[in-house]
Amino acid sequence: GTDKGVIVPVIRNCDQINFAAIEQAIEGYAKKAREGLLAISDLQGAGFTITNGGVYGSLLSTPILVPPQCGILGMH
């Protein structure tokens, strides 16, 4: 989340990297988001999304599937 809203960058090839590399990618995207440096290509091409609206006080929400995603896991 940023001051301007929630964004969902795409971590690519996460089936081929370890957990530490996924954490590093998340940290890198968070920094880019805070600095307003995310590119459109950072947000395109997701296959599956994990979202947690509970960190914003949400008890119930409906994640929106954006093609070409095949699914979203919404945690609250």
PDB file of N, CA and C in Angstrom:
ATOM      1  N   GLY A   1       0.818  -1.187   0.000  1.00  0.00           N
ATOM      2  CA  GLY A   1       0.000   0.000   0.000  1.00  0.00           C
ATOM      3  C   GLY A   1       0.864   1.254   0.000  1.00  0.00           C
ATOM      4  N   THR A   2       0.359   2.272  -0.646  1.00  0.00           N
ATOM      5  CA  THR A   2       1.048   3.559  -0.690  1.00  0.00           C
ATOM      6  C   THR A   2       0.066   4.648  -0.266  1.00  0.00           C
ATOM      7  N   ASP A   3       0.561   5.868  -0.190  1.00  0.00           N
ATOM      8  CA  ASP A   3      -0.325   6.986   0.138  1.00  0.00           C
ATOM      9  C   ASP A   3      -1.406   7.177  -0.921  1.00  0.00           C
ATOM     10  N   LYS A   4      -1.149   6.709  -2.134  1.00  0.00           N
ATOM     11  CA  LYS A   4      -2.099   6.865  -3.234  1.00  0.00           C
ATOM     12  C   LYS A   4      -3.003   5.655  -3.420  1.00  0.00           C
ATOM     13  N   GLY A   5      -2.801   4.600  -2.644  1.00  0.00           N
ATOM     14  CA  GLY A   5      -3.638   3.416  -2.747  1.00  0.00           C
ATOM     15  C   GLY A   5      -2.822   2.140  -2.789  1.00  0.00           C
ATOM     16  N   VAL A   6      -3.527   1.052  -3.021  1.00  0.00           N
ATOM     17  CA  VAL A   6      -2.903  -0.273  -3.060  1.00  0.00           C
ATOM     18  C   VAL A   6      -2.534  -0.613  -4.500  1.00  0.00           C
ATOM     19  N   ILE A   7      -1.353  -1.139  -4.680  1.00  0.00           N
ATOM     20  CA  ILE A   7      -0.911  -1.598  -5.991  1.00  0.00           C
ATOM     21  C   ILE A   7      -0.404  -3.026  -5.860  1.00  0.00           C
ATOM     22  N   VAL A   8      -0.411  -3.740  -6.971  1.00  0.00           N
ATOM     23  CA  VAL A   8      -0.013  -5.143  -6.937  1.00  0.00           C
ATOM     24  C   VAL A   8       1.018  -5.414  -8.028  1.00  0.00           C
ATOM     25  N   PRO A   9       2.299  -5.232  -7.715  1.00  0.00           N
ATOM     26  CA  PRO A   9       3.321  -5.572  -8.704  1.00  0.00           C
ATOM     27  C   PRO A   9       3.450  -7.082  -8.853  1.00  0.00           C
ATOM     28  N   VAL A  10       4.047  -7.503  -9.948  1.00  0.00           N
ATOM     29  CA  VAL A  10       4.141  -8.922 -10.293  1.00  0.00           C
ATOM     30  C   VAL A  10       5.556  -9.425 -10.023  1.00  0.00           C
ATOM     31  N   ILE A  11       5.667 -10.465  -9.198  1.00  0.00           N
ATOM     32  CA  ILE A  11       6.953 -11.130  -8.990  1.00  0.00           C
ATOM     33  C   ILE A  11       7.013 -12.258 -10.010  1.00  0.00           C
ATOM     34  N   ARG A  12       7.933 -12.145 -10.931  1.00  0.00           N
ATOM     35  CA  ARG A  12       8.031 -13.095 -12.036  1.00  0.00           C
ATOM     36  C   ARG A  12       8.889 -14.308 -11.677  1.00  0.00           C
ATOM     37  N   ASN A  13       8.522 -15.436 -12.266  1.00  0.00           N
ATOM     38  CA  ASN A  13       9.262 -16.695 -12.116  1.00  0.00           C
ATOM     39  C   ASN A  13       9.435 -17.113 -10.663  1.00  0.00           C
ATOM     40  N   CYS A  14       8.446 -16.828  -9.819  1.00  0.00           N
ATOM     41  CA  CYS A  14       8.598 -17.154  -8.405  1.00  0.00           C
ATOM     42  C   CYS A  14       8.597 -18.663  -8.154  1.00  0.00           C
ATOM     43  N   ASP A  15       8.227 -19.449  -9.150  1.00  0.00           N
ATOM     44  CA  ASP A  15       8.328 -20.894  -9.008  1.00  0.00           C
ATOM     45  C   ASP A  15       9.769 -21.373  -9.186  1.00  0.00           C
ATOM     46  N   GLN A  16      10.641 -20.483  -9.635  1.00  0.00           N
ATOM     47  CA  GLN A  16      12.026 -20.863  -9.903  1.00  0.00           C
ATOM     48  C   GLN A  16      13.014 -20.197  -8.949  1.00  0.00           C
ATOM     49  N   ILE A  17      12.523 -19.404  -7.992  1.00  0.00           N
ATOM     50  CA  ILE A  17      13.416 -18.728  -7.053  1.00  0.00           C
ATOM     51  C   ILE A  17      13.066 -19.139  -5.630  1.00  0.00           C
ATOM     52  N   ASN A  18      13.988 -18.898  -4.704  1.00  0.00           N
ATOM     53  CA  ASN A  18      13.741 -19.292  -3.318  1.00  0.00           C
ATOM     54  C   ASN A  18      12.981 -18.203  -2.565  1.00  0.00           C
ATOM     55  N   PHE A  19      12.609 -18.527  -1.335  1.00  0.00           N
ATOM     56  CA  PHE A  19      11.795 -17.613  -0.532  1.00  0.00           C
ATOM     57  C   PHE A  19      12.526 -16.296  -0.271  1.00  0.00           C
ATOM     58  N   ALA A  20      13.826 -16.358  -0.042  1.00  0.00           N
ATOM     59  CA  ALA A  20      14.596 -15.136   0.211  1.00  0.00           C
ATOM     60  C   ALA A  20      14.560 -14.205  -1.003  1.00  0.00           C
ATOM     61  N   ALA A  21      14.634 -14.766  -2.200  1.00  0.00           N
ATOM     62  CA  ALA A  21      14.579 -13.948  -3.418  1.00  0.00           C
ATOM     63  C   ALA A  21      13.194 -13.333  -3.599  1.00  0.00           C
ATOM     64  N   ILE A  22      12.154 -14.044  -3.211  1.00  0.00           N
ATOM     65  CA  ILE A  22      10.801 -13.490  -3.272  1.00  0.00           C
ATOM     66  C   ILE A  22      10.684 -12.315  -2.301  1.00  0.00           C
ATOM     67  N   GLU A  23      11.222 -12.482  -1.085  1.00  0.00           N
ATOM     68  CA  GLU A  23      11.215 -11.394  -0.101  1.00  0.00           C
ATOM     69  C   GLU A  23      11.972 -10.178  -0.626  1.00  0.00           C
ATOM     70  N   GLN A  24      13.103 -10.397  -1.274  1.00  0.00           N
ATOM     71  CA  GLN A  24      13.886  -9.299  -1.830  1.00  0.00           C
ATOM     72  C   GLN A  24      13.114  -8.580  -2.931  1.00  0.00           C
ATOM     73  N   ALA A  25      12.396  -9.349  -3.754  1.00  0.00           N
ATOM     74  CA  ALA A  25      11.590  -8.746  -4.815  1.00  0.00           C
ATOM     75  C   ALA A  25      10.469  -7.894  -4.222  1.00  0.00           C
ATOM     76  N   ILE A  26       9.826  -8.396  -3.175  1.00  0.00           N
ATOM     77  CA  ILE A  26       8.765  -7.630  -2.513  1.00  0.00           C
ATOM     78  C   ILE A  26       9.332  -6.332  -1.950  1.00  0.00           C
ATOM     79  N   GLU A  27      10.473  -6.419  -1.286  1.00  0.00           N
ATOM     80  CA  GLU A  27      11.110  -5.235  -0.718  1.00  0.00           C
ATOM     81  C   GLU A  27      11.473  -4.225  -1.808  1.00  0.00           C
ATOM     82  N   GLY A  28      11.999  -4.710  -2.923  1.00  0.00           N
ATOM     83  CA  GLY A  28      12.356  -3.828  -4.031  1.00  0.00           C
ATOM     84  C   GLY A  28      11.148  -3.125  -4.624  1.00  0.00           C
ATOM     85  N   TYR A  29      10.052  -3.878  -4.810  1.00  0.00           N
ATOM     86  CA  TYR A  29       8.827  -3.273  -5.339  1.00  0.00           C
ATOM     87  C   TYR A  29       8.231  -2.272  -4.355  1.00  0.00           C
ATOM     88  N   ALA A  30       8.302  -2.571  -3.058  1.00  0.00           N
ATOM     89  CA  ALA A  30       7.773  -1.637  -2.054  1.00  0.00           C
ATOM     90  C   ALA A  30       8.535  -0.317  -2.117  1.00  0.00           C
ATOM     91  N   LYS A  31       9.840  -0.390  -2.248  1.00  0.00           N
ATOM     92  CA  LYS A  31      10.645   0.831  -2.345  1.00  0.00           C
ATOM     93  C   LYS A  31      10.287   1.609  -3.611  1.00  0.00           C
ATOM     94  N   LYS A  32      10.185   0.902  -4.749  1.00  0.00           N
ATOM     95  CA  LYS A  32       9.818   1.570  -5.998  1.00  0.00           C
ATOM     96  C   LYS A  32       8.440   2.221  -5.887  1.00  0.00           C
ATOM     97  N   ALA A  33       7.497   1.528  -5.228  1.00  0.00           N
ATOM     98  CA  ALA A  33       6.137   2.066  -5.081  1.00  0.00           C
ATOM     99  C   ALA A  33       6.133   3.333  -4.235  1.00  0.00           C
ATOM    100  N   ARG A  34       6.855   3.313  -3.116  1.00  0.00           N
ATOM    101  CA  ARG A  34       6.907   4.495  -2.247  1.00  0.00           C
ATOM    102  C   ARG A  34       7.534   5.689  -2.958  1.00  0.00           C
ATOM    103  N   GLU A  35       8.483   5.410  -3.856  1.00  0.00           N
ATOM    104  CA  GLU A  35       9.175   6.478  -4.578  1.00  0.00           C
ATOM    105  C   GLU A  35       8.480   6.861  -5.883  1.00  0.00           C
ATOM    106  N   GLY A  36       7.369   6.153  -6.194  1.00  0.00           N
ATOM    107  CA  GLY A  36       6.624   6.449  -7.412  1.00  0.00           C
ATOM    108  C   GLY A  36       7.354   6.028  -8.678  1.00  0.00           C
ATOM    109  N   LEU A  37       8.159   4.988  -8.599  1.00  0.00           N
ATOM    110  CA  LEU A  37       8.990   4.565  -9.724  1.00  0.00           C
ATOM    111  C   LEU A  37       8.537   3.274 -10.400  1.00  0.00           C
ATOM    112  N   LEU A  38       7.372   2.755 -10.023  1.00  0.00           N
ATOM    113  CA  LEU A  38       6.888   1.532 -10.671  1.00  0.00           C
ATOM    114  C   LEU A  38       6.519   1.808 -12.118  1.00  0.00           C
ATOM    115  N   ALA A  39       6.874   0.879 -12.981  1.00  0.00           N
ATOM    116  CA  ALA A  39       6.513   0.972 -14.399  1.00  0.00           C
ATOM    117  C   ALA A  39       5.266   0.125 -14.646  1.00  0.00           C
ATOM    118  N   ILE A  40       4.569   0.409 -15.717  1.00  0.00           N
ATOM    119  CA  ILE A  40       3.392  -0.386 -16.094  1.00  0.00           C
ATOM    120  C   ILE A  40       3.775  -1.851 -16.212  1.00  0.00           C
ATOM    121  N   SER A  41       4.957  -2.138 -16.741  1.00  0.00           N
ATOM    122  CA  SER A  41       5.396  -3.533 -16.905  1.00  0.00           C
ATOM    123  C   SER A  41       5.556  -4.238 -15.558  1.00  0.00           C
ATOM    124  N   ASP A  42       5.749  -3.488 -14.464  1.00  0.00           N
ATOM    125  CA  ASP A  42       5.843  -4.091 -13.126  1.00  0.00           C
ATOM    126  C   ASP A  42       4.483  -4.583 -12.635  1.00  0.00           C
ATOM    127  N   LEU A  43       3.408  -4.138 -13.268  1.00  0.00           N
ATOM    128  CA  LEU A  43       2.057  -4.448 -12.812  1.00  0.00           C
ATOM    129  C   LEU A  43       1.311  -5.395 -13.745  1.00  0.00           C
ATOM    130  N   GLN A  44       1.913  -5.774 -14.861  1.00  0.00           N
ATOM    131  CA  GLN A  44       1.216  -6.581 -15.866  1.00  0.00           C
ATOM    132  C   GLN A  44       1.685  -8.029 -15.859  1.00  0.00           C
ATOM    133  N   GLY A  45       0.768  -8.929 -16.224  1.00  0.00           N
ATOM    134  CA  GLY A  45       1.115 -10.318 -16.469  1.00  0.00           C
ATOM    135  C   GLY A  45       1.025 -11.255 -15.289  1.00  0.00           C
ATOM    136  N   ALA A  46       0.248 -10.915 -14.275  1.00  0.00           N
ATOM    137  CA  ALA A  46       0.129 -11.797 -13.111  1.00  0.00           C
ATOM    138  C   ALA A  46      -0.604 -13.080 -13.465  1.00  0.00           C
ATOM    139  N   GLY A  47      -0.193 -14.175 -12.863  1.00  0.00           N
ATOM    140  CA  GLY A  47      -0.881 -15.445 -13.027  1.00  0.00           C
ATOM    141  C   GLY A  47      -1.784 -15.743 -11.836  1.00  0.00           C
ATOM    142  N   PHE A  48      -1.312 -15.380 -10.636  1.00  0.00           N
ATOM    143  CA  PHE A  48      -2.058 -15.637  -9.402  1.00  0.00           C
ATOM    144  C   PHE A  48      -1.712 -14.540  -8.411  1.00  0.00           C
ATOM    145  N   THR A  49      -2.700 -14.047  -7.678  1.00  0.00           N
ATOM    146  CA  THR A  49      -2.487 -12.964  -6.724  1.00  0.00           C
ATOM    147  C   THR A  49      -2.868 -13.413  -5.326  1.00  0.00           C
ATOM    148  N   ILE A  50      -2.070 -13.000  -4.349  1.00  0.00           N
ATOM    149  CA  ILE A  50      -2.415 -13.176  -2.941  1.00  0.00           C
ATOM    150  C   ILE A  50      -2.607 -11.778  -2.376  1.00  0.00           C
ATOM    151  N   THR A  51      -3.761 -11.529  -1.773  1.00  0.00           N
ATOM    152  CA  THR A  51      -4.066 -10.201  -1.246  1.00  0.00           C
ATOM    153  C   THR A  51      -4.549 -10.302   0.193  1.00  0.00           C
ATOM    154  N   ASN A  52      -4.286  -9.257   0.973  1.00  0.00           N
ATOM    155  CA  ASN A  52      -4.709  -9.231   2.370  1.00  0.00           C
ATOM    156  C   ASN A  52      -5.298  -7.869   2.691  1.00  0.00           C
ATOM    157  N   GLY A  53      -6.597  -7.744   2.539  1.00  0.00           N
ATOM    158  CA  GLY A  53      -7.279  -6.494   2.855  1.00  0.00           C
ATOM    159  C   GLY A  53      -7.405  -6.249   4.343  1.00  0.00           C
ATOM    160  N   GLY A  54      -7.153  -7.259   5.151  1.00  0.00           N
ATOM    161  CA  GLY A  54      -7.276  -7.132   6.597  1.00  0.00           C
ATOM    162  C   GLY A  54      -6.324  -6.129   7.201  1.00  0.00           C
ATOM    163  N   VAL A  55      -5.189  -5.896   6.563  1.00  0.00           N
ATOM    164  CA  VAL A  55      -4.232  -4.926   7.104  1.00  0.00           C
ATOM    165  C   VAL A  55      -4.770  -3.504   7.016  1.00  0.00           C
ATOM    166  N   TYR A  56      -5.832  -3.309   6.235  1.00  0.00           N
ATOM    167  CA  TYR A  56      -6.467  -1.995   6.107  1.00  0.00           C
ATOM    168  C   TYR A  56      -7.783  -1.937   6.870  1.00  0.00           C
ATOM    169  N   GLY A  57      -8.047  -2.933   7.717  1.00  0.00           N
ATOM    170  CA  GLY A  57      -9.251  -2.942   8.519  1.00  0.00           C
ATOM    171  C   GLY A  57     -10.444  -3.602   7.853  1.00  0.00           C
ATOM    172  N   SER A  58     -10.238  -4.185   6.676  1.00  0.00           N
ATOM    173  CA  SER A  58     -11.323  -4.823   5.951  1.00  0.00           C
ATOM    174  C   SER A  58     -11.679  -6.161   6.594  1.00  0.00           C
ATOM    175  N   LEU A  59     -12.963  -6.382   6.779  1.00  0.00           N
ATOM    176  CA  LEU A  59     -13.434  -7.675   7.259  1.00  0.00           C
ATOM    177  C   LEU A  59     -14.001  -8.508   6.121  1.00  0.00           C
ATOM    178  N   LEU A  60     -14.407  -7.841   5.057  1.00  0.00           N
ATOM    179  CA  LEU A  60     -14.985  -8.523   3.914  1.00  0.00           C
ATOM    180  C   LEU A  60     -14.776  -7.655   2.682  1.00  0.00           C
ATOM    181  N   SER A  61     -14.244  -8.247   1.649  1.00  0.00           N
ATOM    182  CA  SER A  61     -14.081  -7.535   0.387  1.00  0.00           C
ATOM    183  C   SER A  61     -14.079  -8.551  -0.741  1.00  0.00           C
ATOM    184  N   THR A  62     -14.138  -8.073  -1.944  1.00  0.00           N
ATOM    185  CA  THR A  62     -14.151  -8.946  -3.109  1.00  0.00           C
ATOM    186  C   THR A  62     -12.963  -8.612  -3.999  1.00  0.00           C
ATOM    187  N   PRO A  63     -11.924  -9.466  -3.973  1.00  0.00           N
ATOM    188  CA  PRO A  63     -10.804  -9.239  -4.886  1.00  0.00           C
ATOM    189  C   PRO A  63     -11.289  -9.359  -6.330  1.00  0.00           C
ATOM    190  N   ILE A  64     -10.735  -8.540  -7.201  1.00  0.00           N
ATOM    191  CA  ILE A  64     -11.151  -8.521  -8.602  1.00  0.00           C
ATOM    192  C   ILE A  64     -10.106  -9.214  -9.456  1.00  0.00           C
ATOM    193  N   LEU A  65     -10.517 -10.218 -10.171  1.00  0.00           N
ATOM    194  CA  LEU A  65      -9.639 -10.968 -11.059  1.00  0.00           C
ATOM    195  C   LEU A  65      -9.376 -10.139 -12.317  1.00  0.00           C
ATOM    196  N   VAL A  66      -8.102  -9.923 -12.623  1.00  0.00           N
ATOM    197  CA  VAL A  66      -7.711  -9.154 -13.797  1.00  0.00           C
ATOM    198  C   VAL A  66      -6.986 -10.084 -14.764  1.00  0.00           C
ATOM    199  N   PRO A  67      -7.576 -10.353 -15.942  1.00  0.00           N
ATOM    200  CA  PRO A  67      -6.920 -11.242 -16.895  1.00  0.00           C
ATOM    201  C   PRO A  67      -5.507 -10.769 -17.210  1.00  0.00           C
ATOM    202  N   PRO A  68      -4.544 -11.646 -17.327  1.00  0.00           N
ATOM    203  CA  PRO A  68      -4.625 -13.087 -17.511  1.00  0.00           C
ATOM    204  C   PRO A  68      -4.538 -13.896 -16.227  1.00  0.00           C
ATOM    205  N   GLN A  69      -4.829 -13.290 -15.055  1.00  0.00           N
ATOM    206  CA  GLN A  69      -4.775 -14.040 -13.806  1.00  0.00           C
ATOM    207  C   GLN A  69      -5.729 -15.221 -13.843  1.00  0.00           C
ATOM    208  N   CYS A  70      -5.303 -16.309 -13.187  1.00  0.00           N
ATOM    209  CA  CYS A  70      -6.185 -17.471 -13.118  1.00  0.00           C
ATOM    210  C   CYS A  70      -6.862 -17.566 -11.750  1.00  0.00           C
ATOM    211  N   GLY A  71      -6.387 -16.770 -10.769  1.00  0.00           N
ATOM    212  CA  GLY A  71      -7.007 -16.824  -9.459  1.00  0.00           C
ATOM    213  C   GLY A  71      -6.445 -15.803  -8.493  1.00  0.00           C
ATOM    214  N   ILE A  72      -7.206 -15.557  -7.427  1.00  0.00           N
ATOM    215  CA  ILE A  72      -6.790 -14.659  -6.346  1.00  0.00           C
ATOM    216  C   ILE A  72      -7.124 -15.333  -5.027  1.00  0.00           C
ATOM    217  N   LEU A  73      -6.166 -15.322  -4.103  1.00  0.00           N
ATOM    218  CA  LEU A  73      -6.411 -15.787  -2.750  1.00  0.00           C
ATOM    219  C   LEU A  73      -6.561 -14.550  -1.882  1.00  0.00           C
ATOM    220  N   GLY A  74      -7.775 -14.287  -1.404  1.00  0.00           N
ATOM    221  CA  GLY A  74      -8.035 -13.109  -0.582  1.00  0.00           C
ATOM    222  C   GLY A  74      -8.009 -13.486   0.889  1.00  0.00           C
ATOM    223  N   MET A  75      -7.074 -12.937   1.625  1.00  0.00           N
ATOM    224  CA  MET A  75      -6.944 -13.193   3.067  1.00  0.00           C
ATOM    225  C   MET A  75      -7.461 -11.976   3.803  1.00  0.00           C
ATOM    226  N   HIS A  76      -8.177 -12.177   4.902  1.00  0.00           N
ATOM    227  CA  HIS A  76      -8.694 -11.040   5.670  1.00  0.00           C
ATOM    228  C   HIS A  76      -8.463 -11.334   7.122  1.00  0.00           C
TER     229      HIS A  76
END
